[in-house]
N, C-alpha and C. Protein backbone atom coordinates (compact mmCIF):
# COMPACT_ATOMS: atom_id res chain seq x y z
N MET A 1 66.40 -274.00 -29.71
CA MET A 1 65.96 -274.91 -30.28
C MET A 1 65.65 -276.40 -29.42
N GLU A 2 64.53 -276.86 -29.85
CA GLU A 2 64.10 -278.15 -28.95
C GLU A 2 63.99 -279.18 -30.40
N ILE A 3 64.87 -280.44 -30.11
CA ILE A 3 64.58 -281.64 -30.93
C ILE A 3 63.41 -282.23 -30.90
N LYS A 4 62.55 -282.52 -31.63
CA LYS A 4 61.28 -283.20 -31.48
C LYS A 4 61.35 -284.64 -32.27
N GLU A 5 60.22 -285.36 -32.19
CA GLU A 5 60.50 -286.73 -33.09
C GLU A 5 60.37 -286.38 -34.43
N ASN A 6 60.70 -287.46 -35.36
CA ASN A 6 60.67 -287.48 -36.67
C ASN A 6 61.72 -286.25 -37.55
N SER A 7 62.89 -286.21 -36.90
CA SER A 7 63.91 -285.12 -36.88
C SER A 7 63.20 -283.47 -37.31
N GLN A 8 62.49 -283.35 -36.45
CA GLN A 8 62.01 -281.87 -36.39
C GLN A 8 62.47 -281.33 -35.18
N MET A 9 62.66 -280.10 -35.29
CA MET A 9 62.95 -278.93 -34.01
C MET A 9 61.86 -277.99 -33.98
N SER A 10 61.85 -277.40 -32.82
CA SER A 10 61.38 -276.17 -32.80
C SER A 10 62.23 -274.91 -32.78
N VAL A 11 62.00 -273.93 -33.17
CA VAL A 11 62.71 -272.57 -33.01
C VAL A 11 61.52 -271.42 -32.72
N THR A 12 62.22 -270.78 -32.19
CA THR A 12 61.42 -269.51 -31.52
C THR A 12 62.04 -268.40 -32.09
N ASP A 13 61.60 -267.58 -33.19
CA ASP A 13 62.14 -266.37 -33.86
C ASP A 13 62.31 -265.08 -32.77
N SER A 14 62.87 -263.96 -33.26
CA SER A 14 63.07 -262.61 -32.46
C SER A 14 61.80 -262.17 -32.17
N GLU A 15 60.49 -262.51 -32.67
CA GLU A 15 59.31 -261.66 -32.17
C GLU A 15 58.72 -262.89 -31.46
N GLY A 16 59.25 -263.97 -30.89
CA GLY A 16 58.56 -265.07 -30.00
C GLY A 16 57.69 -265.75 -30.50
N VAL A 17 57.66 -265.93 -31.94
CA VAL A 17 56.93 -266.97 -32.60
C VAL A 17 57.59 -268.18 -32.93
N GLU A 18 57.00 -269.27 -32.54
CA GLU A 18 57.42 -270.55 -32.62
C GLU A 18 57.38 -271.22 -34.02
N HIS A 19 58.39 -271.83 -34.63
CA HIS A 19 58.29 -272.39 -35.84
C HIS A 19 58.62 -273.85 -35.79
N LEU A 20 58.01 -274.74 -36.50
CA LEU A 20 58.48 -276.16 -36.62
C LEU A 20 59.29 -276.30 -37.87
N MET A 21 60.57 -277.02 -37.64
CA MET A 21 61.72 -277.00 -38.65
C MET A 21 61.97 -278.35 -39.00
N GLN A 22 61.97 -278.76 -40.03
CA GLN A 22 62.37 -280.06 -40.57
C GLN A 22 63.87 -280.26 -40.76
N ILE A 23 64.71 -280.99 -39.77
CA ILE A 23 66.12 -281.20 -39.90
C ILE A 23 66.42 -282.17 -41.19
N LEU A 24 67.20 -281.79 -41.98
CA LEU A 24 67.75 -282.22 -43.31
C LEU A 24 68.99 -283.50 -42.88
N PHE A 25 69.84 -282.80 -41.81
CA PHE A 25 71.16 -283.49 -41.28
C PHE A 25 71.88 -282.55 -40.66
N THR A 26 72.60 -283.04 -39.84
CA THR A 26 73.59 -282.32 -38.95
C THR A 26 74.92 -282.83 -39.30
N TYR A 27 75.98 -281.80 -39.10
CA TYR A 27 77.51 -282.28 -39.47
C TYR A 27 78.10 -281.45 -38.45
N GLU A 28 79.26 -282.25 -38.19
CA GLU A 28 80.25 -281.87 -37.12
C GLU A 28 81.24 -281.61 -37.73
N ASN A 29 82.30 -280.44 -37.50
CA ASN A 29 83.50 -280.13 -38.40
C ASN A 29 84.59 -280.11 -36.83
N GLU A 30 85.43 -281.29 -37.01
CA GLU A 30 86.08 -281.34 -35.86
C GLU A 30 87.44 -280.17 -35.64
N GLU A 31 87.62 -280.06 -36.89
CA GLU A 31 88.91 -278.71 -37.36
C GLU A 31 88.41 -277.65 -36.67
N ARG A 32 87.22 -277.17 -36.97
CA ARG A 32 86.55 -275.78 -36.19
C ARG A 32 86.01 -276.09 -35.02
N GLY A 33 85.56 -277.34 -34.47
CA GLY A 33 85.13 -277.43 -33.40
C GLY A 33 83.77 -276.95 -33.54
N ALA A 34 82.94 -277.21 -34.43
CA ALA A 34 81.74 -276.56 -34.65
C ALA A 34 80.96 -277.81 -35.07
N LYS A 35 79.59 -277.65 -34.72
CA LYS A 35 78.21 -278.50 -35.35
C LYS A 35 77.46 -277.87 -35.93
N TYR A 36 76.64 -278.33 -36.87
CA TYR A 36 75.92 -277.45 -37.91
C TYR A 36 74.84 -278.19 -38.14
N VAL A 37 73.50 -277.77 -38.31
CA VAL A 37 72.23 -278.19 -38.60
C VAL A 37 71.69 -277.62 -39.79
N PHE A 38 71.35 -278.36 -40.84
CA PHE A 38 70.64 -278.25 -42.06
C PHE A 38 69.25 -278.31 -41.87
N PHE A 39 68.44 -277.38 -41.96
CA PHE A 39 66.87 -277.38 -41.83
C PHE A 39 65.98 -276.28 -42.84
N TYR A 40 64.76 -276.66 -42.64
CA TYR A 40 63.91 -276.02 -43.66
C TYR A 40 62.56 -275.56 -42.85
N GLU A 41 61.83 -274.98 -42.87
CA GLU A 41 60.40 -274.79 -42.35
C GLU A 41 59.43 -275.87 -42.72
N ALA A 42 58.93 -276.80 -41.95
CA ALA A 42 58.15 -278.03 -42.16
C ALA A 42 56.82 -277.55 -42.56
N GLY A 43 56.33 -278.31 -43.57
CA GLY A 43 55.22 -277.80 -44.44
C GLY A 43 55.37 -277.00 -45.37
N ASP A 44 56.49 -276.32 -45.92
CA ASP A 44 56.57 -275.48 -46.82
C ASP A 44 57.63 -276.03 -48.05
N GLU A 45 56.83 -276.34 -49.00
CA GLU A 45 57.54 -277.14 -50.05
C GLU A 45 58.46 -276.08 -50.55
N ASN A 46 58.44 -274.57 -50.51
CA ASN A 46 59.50 -274.12 -51.40
C ASN A 46 60.23 -273.35 -50.21
N ALA A 47 60.20 -273.88 -49.20
CA ALA A 47 61.11 -273.14 -47.94
C ALA A 47 62.51 -273.26 -48.25
N GLU A 48 63.70 -272.19 -48.36
CA GLU A 48 64.95 -272.17 -48.19
C GLU A 48 65.62 -273.11 -46.97
N VAL A 49 66.52 -273.65 -47.65
CA VAL A 49 67.32 -274.36 -46.21
C VAL A 49 67.98 -273.48 -45.74
N MET A 50 68.15 -273.63 -44.63
CA MET A 50 68.90 -272.54 -43.68
C MET A 50 70.04 -273.54 -42.88
N VAL A 51 71.20 -273.22 -42.51
CA VAL A 51 72.37 -273.61 -42.00
C VAL A 51 72.64 -272.83 -40.79
N PHE A 52 72.75 -273.39 -39.55
CA PHE A 52 73.25 -272.45 -38.40
C PHE A 52 74.43 -273.55 -37.75
N LYS A 53 75.13 -273.04 -36.91
CA LYS A 53 75.97 -273.78 -36.17
C LYS A 53 74.77 -273.91 -34.79
N TYR A 54 75.25 -274.90 -34.04
CA TYR A 54 74.50 -275.07 -32.74
C TYR A 54 75.48 -275.78 -31.59
N THR A 55 75.03 -275.32 -30.33
CA THR A 55 75.87 -275.59 -29.22
C THR A 55 75.01 -277.09 -28.38
N ASP A 56 75.73 -277.56 -27.75
CA ASP A 56 75.33 -278.71 -27.01
C ASP A 56 73.98 -278.64 -26.13
N GLU A 57 73.82 -276.97 -25.83
CA GLU A 57 72.85 -276.59 -25.32
C GLU A 57 71.46 -276.23 -25.84
N GLY A 58 71.68 -276.37 -27.23
CA GLY A 58 70.63 -276.14 -28.26
C GLY A 58 70.34 -274.65 -28.80
N GLU A 59 71.78 -273.97 -28.58
CA GLU A 59 71.58 -272.72 -29.10
C GLU A 59 71.97 -272.57 -30.62
N LEU A 60 71.13 -271.94 -31.29
CA LEU A 60 71.54 -271.59 -32.66
C LEU A 60 72.14 -270.61 -32.99
N ILE A 61 73.20 -270.43 -33.86
CA ILE A 61 74.31 -269.39 -34.11
C ILE A 61 74.35 -269.21 -35.53
N GLU A 62 74.17 -267.91 -35.85
CA GLU A 62 74.12 -267.51 -37.16
C GLU A 62 75.62 -267.68 -37.52
N ILE A 63 75.95 -268.06 -39.10
CA ILE A 63 77.23 -268.24 -39.59
C ILE A 63 77.33 -267.11 -40.33
N GLU A 64 78.29 -266.25 -39.93
CA GLU A 64 78.74 -265.08 -40.54
C GLU A 64 80.03 -265.12 -41.21
N ASP A 65 80.74 -265.84 -41.22
CA ASP A 65 82.14 -266.13 -41.96
C ASP A 65 81.68 -266.65 -43.31
N GLU A 66 81.95 -266.06 -44.38
CA GLU A 66 81.76 -266.64 -45.85
C GLU A 66 82.54 -267.67 -46.21
N GLU A 67 83.84 -267.84 -45.60
CA GLU A 67 84.28 -269.07 -46.06
C GLU A 67 84.06 -270.24 -45.08
N GLU A 68 83.36 -270.15 -44.02
CA GLU A 68 82.78 -271.09 -43.16
C GLU A 68 81.39 -271.59 -43.70
N TYR A 69 80.73 -270.53 -44.26
CA TYR A 69 79.34 -270.70 -44.83
C TYR A 69 79.64 -271.79 -46.19
N ALA A 70 80.67 -271.28 -47.12
CA ALA A 70 80.82 -271.93 -48.19
C ALA A 70 81.07 -273.52 -48.27
N GLU A 71 81.95 -273.63 -46.84
CA GLU A 71 82.33 -275.04 -46.36
C GLU A 71 81.00 -276.40 -46.75
């Protein structure tokens, strides 16, 4: 994950293809000690909003716990 101007970030998928994403907002949960980013693919009006945890190093981590995701 690389943060760009205008609240956008670049994400490379598992096939090595880079995608430009629009960041809606970030959220930090101090209880869990986790940071979250809400985003969608830039330029796609019908894109699904995605939520991932992220590290200070910019690594995105998929949320697998249903309770955490529902939060």
